[in-house]
N, C-alpha and C. Protein backbone atom coordinates (compact mmCIF):
# COMPACT_ATOMS: atom_id res chain seq x y z
N MET A 1 108.32 111.29 89.30
CA MET A 1 107.78 111.39 90.66
C MET A 1 106.68 112.43 90.71
N ILE A 2 105.49 112.03 91.15
CA ILE A 2 104.37 112.95 91.29
C ILE A 2 104.58 113.81 92.53
N ALA A 3 104.31 115.10 92.38
CA ALA A 3 104.49 116.00 93.52
C ALA A 3 103.56 115.59 94.66
N PRO A 4 104.09 115.31 95.84
CA PRO A 4 103.24 114.86 96.96
C PRO A 4 102.53 116.02 97.64
N ARG A 5 101.44 115.70 98.30
CA ARG A 5 100.77 116.67 99.16
C ARG A 5 101.16 116.44 100.61
N VAL A 6 101.51 115.21 100.93
CA VAL A 6 101.85 114.81 102.31
C VAL A 6 103.25 114.19 102.31
N ILE A 7 104.04 114.54 103.29
CA ILE A 7 105.33 113.89 103.50
C ILE A 7 105.32 113.26 104.89
N SER A 8 105.59 111.98 104.96
CA SER A 8 105.68 111.29 106.25
C SER A 8 107.13 110.98 106.55
N PHE A 9 107.47 111.06 107.82
CA PHE A 9 108.84 110.85 108.25
C PHE A 9 108.93 109.76 109.31
N ASP A 10 109.86 108.85 109.10
CA ASP A 10 110.31 108.01 110.19
C ASP A 10 110.97 108.92 111.23
N LEU A 11 111.11 108.46 112.46
CA LEU A 11 111.70 109.29 113.51
C LEU A 11 113.11 108.81 113.90
N ASP A 12 113.19 107.63 114.53
CA ASP A 12 114.48 107.13 115.01
C ASP A 12 115.43 106.87 113.85
N ASP A 13 116.62 107.42 113.96
CA ASP A 13 117.68 107.32 112.96
C ASP A 13 117.35 108.04 111.66
N THR A 14 116.25 108.79 111.66
CA THR A 14 115.95 109.68 110.55
C THR A 14 116.03 111.13 111.00
N LEU A 15 115.39 111.45 112.12
CA LEU A 15 115.49 112.80 112.67
C LEU A 15 116.55 112.92 113.75
N TRP A 16 116.88 111.81 114.38
CA TRP A 16 117.92 111.79 115.42
C TRP A 16 118.53 110.39 115.48
N PRO A 17 119.77 110.27 115.96
CA PRO A 17 120.35 108.93 116.17
C PRO A 17 119.71 108.31 117.40
N VAL A 18 119.23 107.09 117.26
CA VAL A 18 118.43 106.52 118.35
C VAL A 18 119.26 105.70 119.34
N ALA A 19 120.35 105.08 118.90
CA ALA A 19 121.10 104.20 119.80
C ALA A 19 121.56 104.91 121.07
N PRO A 20 122.16 106.10 121.00
CA PRO A 20 122.56 106.76 122.24
C PRO A 20 121.38 107.17 123.11
N VAL A 21 120.24 107.46 122.48
CA VAL A 21 119.05 107.83 123.26
C VAL A 21 118.56 106.64 124.08
N ILE A 22 118.43 105.49 123.44
CA ILE A 22 117.94 104.31 124.15
C ILE A 22 118.94 103.87 125.21
N ALA A 23 120.22 103.93 124.90
CA ALA A 23 121.24 103.54 125.88
C ALA A 23 121.15 104.43 127.11
N ALA A 24 121.00 105.73 126.91
CA ALA A 24 120.90 106.66 128.04
C ALA A 24 119.62 106.43 128.83
N ALA A 25 118.52 106.16 128.13
CA ALA A 25 117.25 105.94 128.81
C ALA A 25 117.28 104.66 129.63
N GLU A 26 117.87 103.60 129.09
CA GLU A 26 117.95 102.34 129.83
C GLU A 26 118.89 102.46 131.02
N ALA A 27 119.95 103.21 130.86
CA ALA A 27 120.88 103.42 131.98
C ALA A 27 120.20 104.23 133.08
N ALA A 28 119.44 105.26 132.70
CA ALA A 28 118.73 106.06 133.68
C ALA A 28 117.68 105.23 134.41
N LEU A 29 116.97 104.38 133.67
CA LEU A 29 115.98 103.50 134.29
C LEU A 29 116.64 102.55 135.28
N GLN A 30 117.75 101.96 134.88
CA GLN A 30 118.47 101.03 135.75
C GLN A 30 118.92 101.73 137.03
N SER A 31 119.45 102.93 136.90
CA SER A 31 119.90 103.69 138.06
C SER A 31 118.73 104.04 138.99
N TRP A 32 117.59 104.44 138.40
CA TRP A 32 116.43 104.79 139.21
C TRP A 32 115.90 103.56 139.94
N LEU A 33 115.85 102.43 139.27
CA LEU A 33 115.38 101.21 139.91
C LEU A 33 116.28 100.82 141.08
N ARG A 34 117.58 100.92 140.90
CA ARG A 34 118.49 100.56 141.98
C ARG A 34 118.32 101.46 143.19
N GLU A 35 117.99 102.72 142.94
CA GLU A 35 117.81 103.66 144.05
C GLU A 35 116.47 103.50 144.74
N HIS A 36 115.40 103.31 143.97
CA HIS A 36 114.05 103.36 144.53
C HIS A 36 113.43 101.98 144.75
N HIS A 37 113.79 101.00 143.94
CA HIS A 37 113.19 99.67 144.05
C HIS A 37 114.27 98.61 143.80
N PRO A 38 115.25 98.53 144.68
CA PRO A 38 116.39 97.64 144.42
C PRO A 38 116.00 96.16 144.30
N ARG A 39 114.95 95.73 145.01
CA ARG A 39 114.56 94.33 144.89
C ARG A 39 114.13 93.98 143.47
N ALA A 40 113.44 94.91 142.82
CA ALA A 40 112.93 94.64 141.48
C ALA A 40 114.05 94.44 140.47
N VAL A 41 115.15 95.13 140.66
CA VAL A 41 116.22 95.09 139.67
C VAL A 41 117.38 94.19 140.10
N HIS A 42 117.23 93.57 141.26
CA HIS A 42 118.30 92.70 141.76
C HIS A 42 118.58 91.57 140.76
N GLY A 43 119.84 91.45 140.38
CA GLY A 43 120.23 90.41 139.45
C GLY A 43 120.05 90.77 137.99
N PHE A 44 119.50 91.95 137.73
CA PHE A 44 119.27 92.37 136.35
C PHE A 44 120.34 93.35 135.89
N THR A 45 120.72 93.24 134.65
CA THR A 45 121.54 94.23 133.97
C THR A 45 120.71 94.81 132.82
N VAL A 46 121.24 95.82 132.16
CA VAL A 46 120.54 96.36 130.99
C VAL A 46 120.32 95.27 129.96
N ASP A 47 121.32 94.44 129.74
CA ASP A 47 121.21 93.37 128.75
C ASP A 47 120.17 92.32 129.16
N SER A 48 120.15 91.95 130.42
CA SER A 48 119.18 90.94 130.83
C SER A 48 117.76 91.48 130.83
N MET A 49 117.61 92.80 131.03
CA MET A 49 116.28 93.40 130.90
C MET A 49 115.84 93.38 129.44
N ARG A 50 116.77 93.59 128.53
CA ARG A 50 116.44 93.47 127.11
C ARG A 50 116.02 92.05 126.76
N ASN A 51 116.72 91.08 127.34
CA ASN A 51 116.38 89.67 127.10
C ASN A 51 114.98 89.35 127.63
N LEU A 52 114.63 89.95 128.76
CA LEU A 52 113.29 89.75 129.31
C LEU A 52 112.24 90.29 128.35
N ARG A 53 112.48 91.46 127.78
CA ARG A 53 111.53 92.01 126.81
C ARG A 53 111.41 91.12 125.58
N ALA A 54 112.51 90.54 125.17
CA ALA A 54 112.46 89.62 124.03
C ALA A 54 111.59 88.41 124.34
N ARG A 55 111.70 87.91 125.57
CA ARG A 55 110.87 86.77 125.96
C ARG A 55 109.40 87.17 126.06
N VAL A 56 109.14 88.39 126.52
CA VAL A 56 107.76 88.89 126.54
C VAL A 56 107.20 88.93 125.13
N ALA A 57 108.00 89.39 124.17
CA ALA A 57 107.55 89.45 122.78
C ALA A 57 107.21 88.07 122.24
N GLU A 58 107.98 87.08 122.65
CA GLU A 58 107.71 85.71 122.21
C GLU A 58 106.41 85.19 122.79
N ARG A 59 106.10 85.59 124.02
CA ARG A 59 104.88 85.11 124.68
C ARG A 59 103.64 85.88 124.24
N PHE A 60 103.85 87.08 123.71
CA PHE A 60 102.73 87.91 123.24
C PHE A 60 102.97 88.30 121.79
N PRO A 61 102.94 87.34 120.87
CA PRO A 61 103.28 87.65 119.47
C PRO A 61 102.36 88.68 118.84
N LEU A 62 101.12 88.74 119.27
CA LEU A 62 100.20 89.72 118.69
C LEU A 62 100.48 91.13 119.17
N LYS A 63 101.37 91.27 120.16
CA LYS A 63 101.74 92.59 120.68
C LYS A 63 103.21 92.90 120.41
N SER A 64 103.85 92.08 119.59
CA SER A 64 105.30 92.25 119.39
C SER A 64 105.65 93.56 118.70
N HIS A 65 104.68 94.17 118.02
CA HIS A 65 104.91 95.45 117.36
C HIS A 65 104.86 96.63 118.33
N ASP A 66 104.33 96.40 119.53
CA ASP A 66 104.04 97.48 120.47
C ASP A 66 105.16 97.57 121.51
N LEU A 67 106.12 98.43 121.26
CA LEU A 67 107.28 98.51 122.14
C LEU A 67 106.93 99.04 123.52
N THR A 68 105.91 99.88 123.59
CA THR A 68 105.46 100.37 124.89
C THR A 68 104.90 99.22 125.72
N PHE A 69 104.05 98.40 125.12
CA PHE A 69 103.51 97.24 125.83
C PHE A 69 104.62 96.32 126.31
N LEU A 70 105.58 96.02 125.44
CA LEU A 70 106.64 95.08 125.79
C LEU A 70 107.45 95.59 126.98
N ARG A 71 107.78 96.86 126.97
CA ARG A 71 108.59 97.39 128.08
C ARG A 71 107.77 97.47 129.36
N ARG A 72 106.52 97.90 129.27
CA ARG A 72 105.66 97.96 130.46
C ARG A 72 105.46 96.55 131.05
N GLN A 73 105.21 95.58 130.18
CA GLN A 73 104.97 94.22 130.65
C GLN A 73 106.20 93.65 131.32
N ALA A 74 107.37 93.89 130.73
CA ALA A 74 108.61 93.39 131.32
C ALA A 74 108.84 94.01 132.70
N LEU A 75 108.60 95.30 132.82
CA LEU A 75 108.75 95.96 134.12
C LEU A 75 107.75 95.41 135.13
N ALA A 76 106.51 95.22 134.69
CA ALA A 76 105.49 94.68 135.59
C ALA A 76 105.90 93.30 136.10
N GLU A 77 106.48 92.47 135.24
CA GLU A 77 106.91 91.13 135.64
C GLU A 77 108.09 91.19 136.60
N MET A 78 108.98 92.15 136.39
CA MET A 78 110.09 92.32 137.32
C MET A 78 109.59 92.69 138.70
N PHE A 79 108.66 93.63 138.76
CA PHE A 79 108.13 94.07 140.05
C PHE A 79 107.32 92.96 140.72
N ALA A 80 106.55 92.24 139.94
CA ALA A 80 105.76 91.15 140.51
C ALA A 80 106.65 90.07 141.09
N ALA A 81 107.72 89.73 140.38
CA ALA A 81 108.65 88.71 140.86
C ALA A 81 109.34 89.13 142.15
N ALA A 82 109.49 90.44 142.33
CA ALA A 82 110.14 90.95 143.54
C ALA A 82 109.16 91.19 144.67
N GLY A 83 107.87 90.89 144.43
CA GLY A 83 106.88 91.02 145.49
C GLY A 83 106.26 92.39 145.63
N TYR A 84 106.42 93.25 144.64
CA TYR A 84 105.78 94.56 144.68
C TYR A 84 104.34 94.44 144.20
N PRO A 85 103.44 95.32 144.68
CA PRO A 85 102.06 95.30 144.20
C PRO A 85 101.99 95.72 142.74
N ASP A 86 100.95 95.26 142.07
CA ASP A 86 100.79 95.57 140.64
C ASP A 86 100.60 97.07 140.43
N GLY A 87 101.09 97.54 139.30
CA GLY A 87 100.71 98.86 138.82
C GLY A 87 101.64 100.02 139.07
N PRO A 88 101.47 100.70 140.23
CA PRO A 88 102.10 102.01 140.39
C PRO A 88 103.62 102.04 140.19
N ALA A 89 104.34 101.13 140.80
CA ALA A 89 105.80 101.18 140.72
C ALA A 89 106.28 100.96 139.29
N ALA A 90 105.67 100.00 138.60
CA ALA A 90 106.06 99.75 137.22
C ALA A 90 105.73 100.93 136.33
N ASN A 91 104.60 101.59 136.58
CA ASN A 91 104.25 102.77 135.81
C ASN A 91 105.24 103.90 136.04
N ASP A 92 105.62 104.07 137.31
CA ASP A 92 106.62 105.10 137.61
C ASP A 92 107.95 104.80 136.91
N ALA A 93 108.33 103.54 136.89
CA ALA A 93 109.58 103.16 136.24
C ALA A 93 109.51 103.43 134.75
N PHE A 94 108.38 103.10 134.13
CA PHE A 94 108.24 103.33 132.69
C PHE A 94 108.28 104.82 132.38
N GLU A 95 107.72 105.63 133.26
CA GLU A 95 107.76 107.08 133.05
C GLU A 95 109.20 107.60 133.07
N ILE A 96 110.03 107.04 133.93
CA ILE A 96 111.45 107.42 133.95
C ILE A 96 112.08 107.11 132.60
N PHE A 97 111.80 105.93 132.08
CA PHE A 97 112.34 105.56 130.77
C PHE A 97 111.86 106.54 129.70
N LEU A 98 110.57 106.81 129.66
CA LEU A 98 110.03 107.70 128.63
C LEU A 98 110.63 109.10 128.70
N ARG A 99 110.83 109.58 129.92
CA ARG A 99 111.39 110.92 130.08
C ARG A 99 112.74 111.02 129.38
N HIS A 100 113.56 110.00 129.55
CA HIS A 100 114.89 110.03 128.94
C HIS A 100 114.85 109.57 127.48
N ARG A 101 113.92 108.71 127.14
CA ARG A 101 113.81 108.24 125.77
C ARG A 101 113.48 109.38 124.81
N ASN A 102 112.84 110.42 125.31
CA ASN A 102 112.45 111.55 124.47
C ASN A 102 113.41 112.74 124.57
N ARG A 103 114.56 112.53 125.20
CA ARG A 103 115.60 113.56 125.20
C ARG A 103 116.52 113.29 124.02
N VAL A 104 116.08 113.72 122.86
CA VAL A 104 116.78 113.39 121.62
C VAL A 104 117.66 114.55 121.19
N GLU A 105 118.68 114.23 120.45
CA GLU A 105 119.55 115.25 119.86
C GLU A 105 119.40 115.15 118.35
N PHE A 106 118.77 116.13 117.77
CA PHE A 106 118.43 116.09 116.36
C PHE A 106 119.67 116.17 115.48
N TYR A 107 119.61 115.49 114.35
CA TYR A 107 120.61 115.72 113.33
C TYR A 107 120.55 117.19 112.93
N ALA A 108 121.68 117.75 112.53
CA ALA A 108 121.76 119.18 112.25
C ALA A 108 120.79 119.63 111.16
N ASP A 109 120.52 118.76 110.21
CA ASP A 109 119.66 119.13 109.09
C ASP A 109 118.17 118.98 109.40
N ALA A 110 117.82 118.29 110.48
CA ALA A 110 116.43 117.87 110.69
C ALA A 110 115.47 119.03 110.90
N LEU A 111 115.70 119.84 111.91
CA LEU A 111 114.74 120.90 112.23
C LEU A 111 114.65 121.96 111.13
N PRO A 112 115.77 122.41 110.55
CA PRO A 112 115.63 123.37 109.45
C PRO A 112 114.84 122.81 108.27
N ALA A 113 115.07 121.54 107.93
CA ALA A 113 114.34 120.95 106.81
C ALA A 113 112.86 120.81 107.13
N LEU A 114 112.54 120.33 108.31
CA LEU A 114 111.13 120.18 108.69
C LEU A 114 110.41 121.52 108.70
N THR A 115 111.07 122.54 109.20
CA THR A 115 110.45 123.86 109.28
C THR A 115 110.13 124.39 107.89
N ARG A 116 111.04 124.21 106.94
CA ARG A 116 110.81 124.68 105.58
C ARG A 116 109.76 123.84 104.87
N LEU A 117 109.81 122.53 105.06
CA LEU A 117 108.84 121.66 104.41
C LEU A 117 107.43 121.89 104.96
N ARG A 118 107.35 122.19 106.24
CA ARG A 118 106.05 122.40 106.89
C ARG A 118 105.29 123.55 106.24
N ALA A 119 106.00 124.50 105.67
CA ALA A 119 105.35 125.64 105.04
C ALA A 119 104.66 125.27 103.73
N LYS A 120 105.02 124.14 103.14
CA LYS A 120 104.51 123.76 101.82
C LYS A 120 103.72 122.46 101.82
N TYR A 121 104.03 121.56 102.75
CA TYR A 121 103.44 120.23 102.75
C TYR A 121 102.80 119.93 104.11
N ARG A 122 101.90 118.97 104.09
CA ARG A 122 101.36 118.43 105.34
C ARG A 122 102.33 117.34 105.81
N LEU A 123 102.80 117.45 107.03
CA LEU A 123 103.80 116.52 107.54
C LEU A 123 103.18 115.58 108.58
N PHE A 124 103.54 114.30 108.48
CA PHE A 124 103.13 113.29 109.46
C PHE A 124 104.37 112.53 109.91
N ALA A 125 104.36 112.08 111.13
CA ALA A 125 105.37 111.15 111.63
C ALA A 125 104.81 109.74 111.53
N LEU A 126 105.67 108.79 111.15
CA LEU A 126 105.25 107.39 111.00
C LEU A 126 106.34 106.53 111.60
N SER A 127 106.08 105.97 112.78
CA SER A 127 107.18 105.35 113.52
C SER A 127 106.78 104.05 114.17
N ASN A 128 107.75 103.14 114.24
CA ASN A 128 107.56 101.89 114.97
C ASN A 128 107.83 102.06 116.45
N GLY A 129 108.57 103.10 116.82
CA GLY A 129 109.00 103.29 118.20
C GLY A 129 107.97 104.04 119.03
N ASN A 130 108.39 104.42 120.25
CA ASN A 130 107.48 105.11 121.15
C ASN A 130 107.97 106.50 121.53
N ALA A 131 108.65 107.16 120.59
CA ALA A 131 108.98 108.56 120.79
C ALA A 131 107.69 109.38 120.81
N ASP A 132 107.71 110.47 121.56
CA ASP A 132 106.54 111.33 121.71
C ASP A 132 106.88 112.71 121.14
N LEU A 133 106.12 113.15 120.14
CA LEU A 133 106.44 114.42 119.48
C LEU A 133 106.38 115.60 120.43
N GLU A 134 105.42 115.57 121.36
CA GLU A 134 105.32 116.66 122.33
C GLU A 134 106.56 116.71 123.21
N ARG A 135 106.96 115.58 123.75
CA ARG A 135 108.13 115.55 124.63
C ARG A 135 109.40 115.89 123.88
N CYS A 136 109.45 115.53 122.60
CA CYS A 136 110.63 115.84 121.80
C CYS A 136 110.65 117.30 121.34
N GLY A 137 109.52 117.98 121.48
CA GLY A 137 109.47 119.40 121.16
C GLY A 137 109.19 119.73 119.71
N ILE A 138 108.61 118.78 118.95
CA ILE A 138 108.39 119.03 117.52
C ILE A 138 106.95 118.78 117.10
N ALA A 139 106.04 118.69 118.05
CA ALA A 139 104.65 118.41 117.70
C ALA A 139 104.06 119.48 116.79
N ASP A 140 104.51 120.71 116.92
CA ASP A 140 103.97 121.80 116.12
C ASP A 140 104.33 121.69 114.64
N LEU A 141 105.33 120.85 114.33
CA LEU A 141 105.74 120.70 112.93
C LEU A 141 104.95 119.63 112.19
N PHE A 142 104.18 118.84 112.92
CA PHE A 142 103.49 117.69 112.32
C PHE A 142 101.98 117.80 112.49
N GLU A 143 101.27 117.38 111.47
CA GLU A 143 99.82 117.33 111.55
C GLU A 143 99.35 116.12 112.34
N GLY A 144 100.13 115.03 112.31
CA GLY A 144 99.75 113.83 113.04
C GLY A 144 100.93 112.90 113.21
N HIS A 145 100.74 111.91 114.05
CA HIS A 145 101.78 110.92 114.35
C HIS A 145 101.13 109.55 114.38
N VAL A 146 101.49 108.70 113.45
CA VAL A 146 100.98 107.33 113.39
C VAL A 146 102.05 106.41 113.94
N THR A 147 101.69 105.64 114.96
CA THR A 147 102.62 104.72 115.59
C THR A 147 102.21 103.28 115.34
N ALA A 148 103.18 102.39 115.49
CA ALA A 148 102.86 100.97 115.36
C ALA A 148 101.85 100.55 116.40
N SER A 149 101.96 101.10 117.59
CA SER A 149 101.02 100.77 118.66
C SER A 149 99.59 101.13 118.28
N ALA A 150 99.41 102.32 117.71
CA ALA A 150 98.06 102.76 117.33
C ALA A 150 97.53 102.00 116.12
N ALA A 151 98.42 101.68 115.18
CA ALA A 151 98.00 101.02 113.95
C ALA A 151 97.80 99.53 114.11
N GLY A 152 98.38 98.95 115.16
CA GLY A 152 98.28 97.51 115.36
C GLY A 152 99.24 96.72 114.51
N ALA A 153 100.22 97.40 113.94
CA ALA A 153 101.22 96.74 113.11
C ALA A 153 102.39 97.70 112.92
N ALA A 154 103.56 97.12 112.68
CA ALA A 154 104.77 97.92 112.51
C ALA A 154 105.21 97.90 111.05
N LYS A 155 105.89 98.95 110.63
CA LYS A 155 106.50 98.95 109.30
C LYS A 155 107.41 97.73 109.18
N PRO A 156 107.41 97.04 108.04
CA PRO A 156 106.84 97.40 106.73
C PRO A 156 105.42 96.90 106.48
N ASP A 157 104.72 96.47 107.51
CA ASP A 157 103.36 95.95 107.33
C ASP A 157 102.48 97.02 106.68
N ALA A 158 101.70 96.60 105.70
CA ALA A 158 100.85 97.54 104.96
C ALA A 158 99.82 98.21 105.85
N ARG A 159 99.48 97.60 106.98
CA ARG A 159 98.43 98.16 107.83
C ARG A 159 98.82 99.49 108.43
N ILE A 160 100.10 99.68 108.75
CA ILE A 160 100.49 100.96 109.34
C ILE A 160 100.44 102.06 108.29
N TYR A 161 100.77 101.70 107.04
CA TYR A 161 100.67 102.69 105.97
C TYR A 161 99.20 103.00 105.67
N ALA A 162 98.34 102.01 105.74
CA ALA A 162 96.91 102.24 105.54
C ALA A 162 96.37 103.18 106.61
N HIS A 163 96.86 103.02 107.84
CA HIS A 163 96.46 103.89 108.95
C HIS A 163 96.87 105.33 108.65
N LEU A 164 98.08 105.49 108.13
CA LEU A 164 98.56 106.82 107.76
C LEU A 164 97.67 107.44 106.68
N LEU A 165 97.33 106.66 105.67
CA LEU A 165 96.51 107.19 104.58
C LEU A 165 95.13 107.61 105.07
N ARG A 166 94.57 106.84 105.99
CA ARG A 166 93.27 107.23 106.57
C ARG A 166 93.41 108.53 107.35
N ALA A 167 94.48 108.66 108.09
CA ALA A 167 94.68 109.88 108.89
C ALA A 167 94.87 111.10 108.00
N ALA A 168 95.60 110.91 106.89
CA ALA A 168 95.89 112.03 106.00
C ALA A 168 94.74 112.31 105.03
N GLY A 169 93.95 111.27 104.72
CA GLY A 169 92.83 111.44 103.82
C GLY A 169 93.22 111.70 102.38
N VAL A 170 94.32 111.08 101.95
CA VAL A 170 94.78 111.24 100.58
C VAL A 170 95.11 109.87 100.00
N PRO A 171 95.16 109.74 98.67
CA PRO A 171 95.54 108.47 98.06
C PRO A 171 97.03 108.22 98.24
N PRO A 172 97.47 106.97 98.16
CA PRO A 172 98.88 106.63 98.43
C PRO A 172 99.87 107.41 97.59
N ILE A 173 99.59 107.63 96.32
CA ILE A 173 100.55 108.26 95.43
C ILE A 173 100.84 109.70 95.83
N GLU A 174 99.98 110.30 96.65
CA GLU A 174 100.18 111.69 97.07
C GLU A 174 100.97 111.79 98.36
N VAL A 175 101.50 110.67 98.84
CA VAL A 175 102.32 110.66 100.05
C VAL A 175 103.74 110.25 99.70
N LEU A 176 104.68 111.02 100.20
CA LEU A 176 106.10 110.69 100.10
C LEU A 176 106.58 110.32 101.49
N HIS A 177 107.10 109.10 101.63
CA HIS A 177 107.62 108.67 102.92
C HIS A 177 109.15 108.73 102.90
N VAL A 178 109.72 109.22 103.99
CA VAL A 178 111.16 109.40 104.12
C VAL A 178 111.64 108.63 105.33
N GLY A 179 112.64 107.77 105.15
CA GLY A 179 113.17 107.03 106.29
C GLY A 179 114.49 106.38 105.98
N ASP A 180 115.14 105.88 107.03
CA ASP A 180 116.49 105.34 106.89
C ASP A 180 116.52 103.84 106.66
N ASP A 181 115.44 103.13 106.95
CA ASP A 181 115.47 101.67 106.89
C ASP A 181 115.01 101.17 105.52
N PRO A 182 115.86 100.44 104.80
CA PRO A 182 115.48 99.99 103.46
C PRO A 182 114.18 99.20 103.41
N LEU A 183 114.03 98.23 104.32
CA LEU A 183 112.84 97.40 104.30
C LEU A 183 111.64 98.12 104.89
N ALA A 184 111.78 98.61 106.11
CA ALA A 184 110.64 99.19 106.81
C ALA A 184 110.13 100.45 106.12
N ASP A 185 111.04 101.31 105.70
CA ASP A 185 110.64 102.62 105.20
C ASP A 185 110.49 102.70 103.69
N VAL A 186 111.35 102.03 102.95
CA VAL A 186 111.32 102.18 101.49
C VAL A 186 110.50 101.06 100.85
N VAL A 187 110.88 99.82 101.11
CA VAL A 187 110.13 98.70 100.52
C VAL A 187 108.69 98.71 101.03
N GLY A 188 108.53 98.87 102.34
CA GLY A 188 107.18 98.88 102.90
C GLY A 188 106.31 99.96 102.32
N ALA A 189 106.85 101.17 102.23
CA ALA A 189 106.07 102.29 101.69
C ALA A 189 105.73 102.07 100.23
N THR A 190 106.71 101.61 99.46
CA THR A 190 106.50 101.39 98.03
C THR A 190 105.45 100.32 97.79
N GLN A 191 105.53 99.23 98.54
CA GLN A 191 104.54 98.17 98.37
C GLN A 191 103.13 98.62 98.76
N ALA A 192 103.05 99.62 99.63
CA ALA A 192 101.75 100.16 100.02
C ALA A 192 101.25 101.21 99.04
N GLY A 193 102.04 101.50 98.00
CA GLY A 193 101.62 102.44 96.97
C GLY A 193 102.10 103.86 97.16
N LEU A 194 102.87 104.10 98.23
CA LEU A 194 103.38 105.44 98.48
C LEU A 194 104.66 105.66 97.67
N GLN A 195 105.04 106.90 97.52
CA GLN A 195 106.37 107.23 97.05
C GLN A 195 107.32 107.13 98.24
N ALA A 196 108.59 106.89 97.98
CA ALA A 196 109.53 106.72 99.09
C ALA A 196 110.89 107.28 98.72
N VAL A 197 111.54 107.80 99.73
CA VAL A 197 112.92 108.29 99.62
C VAL A 197 113.74 107.60 100.69
N TRP A 198 114.86 107.05 100.30
CA TRP A 198 115.77 106.43 101.26
C TRP A 198 116.75 107.48 101.76
N LEU A 199 116.77 107.68 103.08
CA LEU A 199 117.74 108.57 103.71
C LEU A 199 118.95 107.75 104.11
N ASN A 200 120.05 107.94 103.42
CA ASN A 200 121.27 107.16 103.64
C ASN A 200 122.38 108.11 104.07
N ARG A 201 122.44 108.37 105.37
CA ARG A 201 123.38 109.35 105.90
C ARG A 201 124.83 108.86 105.90
N ASP A 202 125.04 107.55 105.98
CA ASP A 202 126.37 107.04 106.26
C ASP A 202 126.89 106.09 105.18
N ALA A 203 126.50 106.34 103.94
CA ALA A 203 127.04 105.61 102.79
C ALA A 203 126.88 104.10 102.90
N ARG A 204 125.73 103.66 103.40
CA ARG A 204 125.46 102.23 103.45
C ARG A 204 125.18 101.69 102.05
N THR A 205 125.38 100.40 101.87
CA THR A 205 125.07 99.74 100.62
C THR A 205 123.62 99.27 100.63
N TRP A 206 122.91 99.56 99.57
CA TRP A 206 121.51 99.14 99.49
C TRP A 206 121.44 97.61 99.41
N PRO A 207 120.58 96.97 100.20
CA PRO A 207 120.47 95.50 100.17
C PRO A 207 120.11 94.99 98.78
N GLU A 208 120.90 94.06 98.28
CA GLU A 208 120.73 93.61 96.91
C GLU A 208 119.43 92.83 96.68
N GLN A 209 118.82 92.32 97.77
CA GLN A 209 117.59 91.54 97.59
C GLN A 209 116.37 92.42 97.31
N PHE A 210 116.52 93.74 97.47
CA PHE A 210 115.41 94.66 97.23
C PHE A 210 115.65 95.46 95.96
N ALA A 211 114.56 95.81 95.28
CA ALA A 211 114.67 96.71 94.13
C ALA A 211 115.22 98.06 94.59
N ALA A 212 116.07 98.64 93.77
CA ALA A 212 116.71 99.91 94.15
C ALA A 212 115.68 101.00 94.38
N PRO A 213 115.92 101.88 95.36
CA PRO A 213 114.96 102.96 95.62
C PRO A 213 114.91 103.95 94.47
N ALA A 214 113.75 104.57 94.30
CA ALA A 214 113.60 105.55 93.23
C ALA A 214 114.45 106.78 93.49
N ARG A 215 114.65 107.08 94.77
CA ARG A 215 115.43 108.27 95.10
C ARG A 215 116.13 108.05 96.43
N THR A 216 117.38 108.50 96.50
CA THR A 216 118.17 108.43 97.73
C THR A 216 118.71 109.82 98.06
N VAL A 217 118.67 110.17 99.33
CA VAL A 217 119.24 111.44 99.79
C VAL A 217 120.20 111.15 100.94
N THR A 218 121.13 112.05 101.15
CA THR A 218 122.08 111.88 102.24
C THR A 218 121.77 112.77 103.44
N THR A 219 120.96 113.80 103.22
CA THR A 219 120.48 114.64 104.32
C THR A 219 119.04 115.03 104.01
N LEU A 220 118.34 115.46 105.03
CA LEU A 220 116.96 115.91 104.80
C LEU A 220 116.92 117.19 103.99
N ALA A 221 117.99 117.93 104.00
CA ALA A 221 118.04 119.16 103.19
C ALA A 221 117.89 118.83 101.71
N ASP A 222 118.31 117.63 101.29
CA ASP A 222 118.22 117.25 99.88
C ASP A 222 116.77 117.15 99.42
N ILE A 223 115.85 116.90 100.31
CA ILE A 223 114.45 116.78 99.94
C ILE A 223 113.90 118.13 99.48
N LEU A 224 114.47 119.19 99.98
CA LEU A 224 113.98 120.54 99.63
C LEU A 224 114.21 120.83 98.15
């Protein structure tokens, strides 16, 4: 393994568990809608709102990588169907979701590891989701944040890794990518020419259809 100059990190399920964050954010959004715009949410549950976003993704395949677009569009369609004017109410609703979506609880190893690595390496975030480093309180630890929305493609697509390499200004072999998803983070990064580490916190079995990762860690502290 060549010593990297840049380390990129996935965010969701790498620095924090994402399922409880999204569940809390969707519940908060649902509660806010019922209080402030009950017509828009009438007949909707959290599950049916997810189904609506899935249908939006089917209708806008070129935007299926952009989770912010999908959620905004779904909210806009809900408000339009309920007879609300375009724009402001849906934007307010999305802001409620974002506020709670960025209330993350970091894994115990995450912040200490990032702080120590930041002293030696250039750190970038590389994520398919719409977490915001500023709102999460960790923007000072990263030189940049490459998102699927900005890159026009989601991991494991090579385009998002190419976007990262342009932002970092280094060749692929000088980047080490760290993430929890075998396909998105390890296979995708490796196929793009980067080095990759699989973060396997919960003793999962590596998918047999993929070549085994060059390195596996169980906590971010192992990277040190």
